[in-house]
N, C-alpha and C. Protein backbone atom coordinates (compact mmCIF):
# COMPACT_ATOMS: atom_id res chain seq x y z
N MET A 1 32.12 7.20 43.96
CA MET A 1 31.60 8.37 43.56
C MET A 1 31.01 8.83 44.39
N ASP A 2 30.87 9.94 44.01
CA ASP A 2 29.36 11.19 44.83
C ASP A 2 28.17 10.38 44.98
N LYS A 3 27.13 10.49 45.70
CA LYS A 3 26.28 9.66 45.48
C LYS A 3 24.83 11.18 44.22
N LYS A 4 24.70 12.15 44.62
CA LYS A 4 24.36 12.94 43.96
C LYS A 4 24.77 12.91 42.34
N ILE A 5 26.10 12.56 41.97
CA ILE A 5 26.25 12.58 40.42
C ILE A 5 26.37 10.86 40.09
N GLU A 6 25.64 9.77 41.05
CA GLU A 6 25.38 8.55 40.45
C GLU A 6 23.67 8.81 39.89
N ARG A 7 23.27 9.52 40.98
CA ARG A 7 21.80 9.53 41.21
C ARG A 7 21.54 11.15 39.78
N ASN A 8 22.76 11.38 38.95
CA ASN A 8 22.34 12.70 37.84
C ASN A 8 22.73 11.27 37.02
N ILE A 9 23.30 10.49 36.48
CA ILE A 9 23.97 9.50 35.97
C ILE A 9 22.29 8.57 35.82
N ILE A 10 21.97 8.22 36.41
CA ILE A 10 20.57 7.42 36.35
C ILE A 10 19.50 8.29 35.60
N TRP A 11 19.60 9.11 36.27
CA TRP A 11 18.17 10.07 35.47
C TRP A 11 18.74 10.48 33.94
N THR A 12 20.13 10.83 33.66
CA THR A 12 20.06 10.94 32.80
C THR A 12 20.15 9.79 31.63
N LEU A 13 20.56 8.87 31.84
CA LEU A 13 20.36 7.39 31.04
C LEU A 13 18.74 7.23 30.86
N ALA A 14 18.14 7.28 32.12
CA ALA A 14 16.53 6.80 32.21
C ALA A 14 16.25 7.58 30.78
N ILE A 15 16.31 9.15 31.36
CA ILE A 15 15.38 9.70 29.79
C ILE A 15 16.20 9.76 29.07
N ILE A 16 16.96 9.51 28.06
CA ILE A 16 17.96 9.27 27.22
C ILE A 16 17.36 7.47 26.48
N LEU A 17 17.21 6.97 27.65
CA LEU A 17 16.32 5.50 27.33
C LEU A 17 14.65 5.59 26.64
N ILE A 18 14.20 6.39 27.54
CA ILE A 18 12.79 6.96 27.25
C ILE A 18 12.15 7.15 26.08
N LEU A 19 13.86 8.45 25.56
CA LEU A 19 13.53 9.36 24.56
C LEU A 19 13.56 8.48 22.93
N VAL A 20 14.94 7.26 22.95
CA VAL A 20 15.04 6.55 22.62
C VAL A 20 13.84 5.42 22.17
N GLY A 21 13.45 4.82 22.56
CA GLY A 21 11.79 4.09 22.83
C GLY A 21 10.91 4.73 22.22
N VAL A 22 10.94 6.19 22.65
CA VAL A 22 9.64 7.12 22.18
C VAL A 22 9.98 7.73 19.91
N PHE A 23 10.76 8.25 20.43
CA PHE A 23 11.05 8.57 18.61
C PHE A 23 11.67 6.85 17.89
N GLY A 24 11.89 6.17 18.66
CA GLY A 24 12.33 5.07 17.33
C GLY A 24 11.15 4.28 16.88
N CYS A 25 10.17 4.79 17.21
CA CYS A 25 8.95 3.82 16.86
C CYS A 25 8.27 4.99 15.65
N VAL A 26 8.79 5.72 15.55
CA VAL A 26 8.18 6.70 14.44
C VAL A 26 8.80 6.20 12.91
N THR A 27 7.88 6.32 12.34
CA THR A 27 7.96 6.16 11.06
C THR A 27 8.47 7.30 10.14
N VAL A 28 9.14 7.17 8.86
CA VAL A 28 8.88 8.87 8.53
C VAL A 28 8.24 8.37 7.08
N PRO A 29 6.96 9.42 6.62
CA PRO A 29 6.03 9.31 6.35
C PRO A 29 6.83 9.70 4.71
N THR A 30 6.34 8.70 3.85
CA THR A 30 7.48 8.82 2.21
C THR A 30 6.20 9.00 1.65
N THR A 31 6.10 10.23 0.08
CA THR A 31 5.09 10.88 -0.28
C THR A 31 5.62 9.91 -2.16
N ASN A 32 4.44 9.68 -2.55
CA ASN A 32 4.41 9.36 -3.76
C ASN A 32 4.81 10.28 -4.96
N LEU A 33 6.12 10.97 -5.28
CA LEU A 33 5.99 11.91 -6.58
C LEU A 33 5.29 11.94 -7.49
N ASN A 34 4.58 10.74 -8.21
CA ASN A 34 4.03 10.23 -8.84
C ASN A 34 2.60 9.50 -8.89
N PRO A 35 2.08 10.04 -8.32
CA PRO A 35 0.81 9.26 -7.84
C PRO A 35 -0.53 8.55 -9.54
N LYS A 36 -0.61 7.41 -8.93
CA LYS A 36 -1.56 7.43 -10.09
C LYS A 36 -2.66 7.73 -10.01
N LYS A 37 -3.66 8.52 -10.97
CA LYS A 37 -5.25 8.51 -10.87
C LYS A 37 -5.71 7.99 -11.66
N THR A 38 -7.33 7.52 -11.18
CA THR A 38 -7.91 6.68 -11.55
C THR A 38 -8.30 7.72 -12.71
N THR A 39 -9.02 7.09 -13.73
CA THR A 39 -9.98 8.14 -14.11
C THR A 39 -11.19 7.31 -14.94
N PRO A 40 -12.22 8.08 -15.35
CA PRO A 40 -13.47 7.29 -15.50
C PRO A 40 -13.58 6.50 -16.50
N LEU A 41 -11.76 6.78 -17.66
CA LEU A 41 -12.19 5.79 -18.93
C LEU A 41 -11.59 4.40 -18.23
N ASP A 42 -10.59 4.72 -16.94
CA ASP A 42 -10.03 3.27 -16.58
C ASP A 42 -11.26 2.80 -16.57
N THR A 43 -12.21 3.26 -15.12
CA THR A 43 -13.29 2.47 -15.10
C THR A 43 -14.14 1.88 -15.76
N ILE A 44 -14.28 2.54 -17.13
CA ILE A 44 -15.02 1.78 -18.27
C ILE A 44 -14.78 0.73 -18.57
N ILE A 45 -13.48 1.34 -18.89
CA ILE A 45 -12.17 -0.13 -19.62
C ILE A 45 -12.77 -1.74 -18.56
N ILE A 46 -12.41 -0.98 -17.49
CA ILE A 46 -12.85 -2.11 -16.30
C ILE A 46 -13.51 -2.70 -16.21
N MET A 47 -15.29 -2.04 -16.36
CA MET A 47 -16.57 -2.52 -16.21
C MET A 47 -16.94 -3.17 -18.08
N LYS A 48 -16.28 -2.78 -18.95
CA LYS A 48 -16.50 -3.09 -20.27
C LYS A 48 -15.93 -4.68 -20.37
N ASP A 49 -15.05 -5.15 -19.42
CA ASP A 49 -13.65 -6.23 -19.54
C ASP A 49 -15.30 -7.44 -18.97
N LEU A 50 -15.22 -6.69 -17.27
CA LEU A 50 -16.32 -7.76 -16.67
C LEU A 50 -17.48 -7.49 -17.09
N GLY A 51 -18.16 -7.10 -17.73
CA GLY A 51 -19.74 -7.32 -18.38
C GLY A 51 -19.28 -8.74 -19.72
N THR A 52 -18.37 -8.19 -19.97
CA THR A 52 -18.31 -9.40 -21.28
C THR A 52 -17.89 -10.69 -20.33
N ALA A 53 -17.22 -10.83 -19.31
CA ALA A 53 -16.77 -11.85 -18.66
C ALA A 53 -18.07 -12.61 -18.05
N LEU A 54 -19.05 -12.00 -17.55
CA LEU A 54 -20.03 -12.20 -17.10
C LEU A 54 -21.10 -12.39 -18.05
N GLY A 55 -21.27 -11.66 -19.18
CA GLY A 55 -21.78 -12.36 -20.48
C GLY A 55 -21.26 -13.52 -21.06
N CYS A 56 -19.96 -14.03 -21.05
CA CYS A 56 -19.72 -14.96 -21.80
C CYS A 56 -19.99 -16.20 -20.89
N ALA A 57 -20.05 -16.27 -19.03
CA ALA A 57 -19.76 -16.65 -18.51
C ALA A 57 -21.50 -17.46 -18.76
N PHE A 58 -22.61 -16.52 -18.45
CA PHE A 58 -24.56 -17.24 -18.88
C PHE A 58 -24.45 -17.47 -20.39
N VAL A 59 -23.67 -17.03 -21.22
CA VAL A 59 -23.66 -17.66 -23.21
C VAL A 59 -22.86 -17.60 -23.34
N PRO A 60 -22.24 -18.59 -23.62
CA PRO A 60 -21.16 -18.66 -23.81
C PRO A 60 -20.99 -19.43 -25.45
N ASN A 61 -22.58 -19.74 -26.04
CA ASN A 61 -22.43 -19.37 -27.30
C ASN A 61 -22.34 -17.69 -28.34
N ASP A 62 -22.30 -16.96 -27.57
CA ASP A 62 -22.38 -15.52 -28.40
C ASP A 62 -21.03 -15.32 -28.92
N PRO A 63 -21.21 -14.86 -30.07
CA PRO A 63 -20.12 -14.40 -31.11
C PRO A 63 -19.05 -13.78 -30.35
N ALA A 64 -19.17 -12.94 -29.83
CA ALA A 64 -18.44 -12.23 -28.69
C ALA A 64 -17.37 -13.25 -28.30
N CYS A 65 -18.05 -14.24 -27.86
CA CYS A 65 -17.41 -14.54 -26.77
C CYS A 65 -16.39 -15.76 -27.48
N GLN A 66 -16.26 -16.19 -28.70
CA GLN A 66 -15.58 -17.04 -29.20
C GLN A 66 -14.46 -16.24 -29.43
N LYS A 67 -13.03 -16.99 -28.86
CA LYS A 67 -12.07 -16.39 -29.32
C LYS A 67 -11.57 -17.05 -30.68
N GLU A 68 -10.30 -15.74 -31.18
CA GLU A 68 -10.19 -16.17 -32.71
C GLU A 68 -8.52 -16.63 -32.14
N PRO A 69 -8.26 -17.77 -33.06
CA PRO A 69 -7.12 -18.51 -33.39
C PRO A 69 -6.21 -17.71 -33.60
N GLN A 70 -4.91 -18.03 -32.71
CA GLN A 70 -3.44 -16.97 -32.93
C GLN A 70 -3.20 -17.87 -34.08
N THR A 71 -2.36 -16.95 -34.63
CA THR A 71 -1.36 -17.30 -36.09
C THR A 71 -0.30 -17.12 -35.47
N LYS A 72 0.82 -17.93 -35.86
CA LYS A 72 2.12 -17.92 -35.82
C LYS A 72 2.75 -17.45 -36.56
């Protein structure tokens, strides 16, 4: 083979190797079609439950903390 052809083949393969290395690391961005938006009502419900849990931790005899028996 001619030395010029060998050099061109080596450079072509080197460029292909570099391009595969660069573009192989790219992640495809995914978009969520239905994102869940947090509403103020969701936050208020969470805060009410959190407040009840903390209140029952410090005052366990409160009537709001008494669990109702489950009937089957």
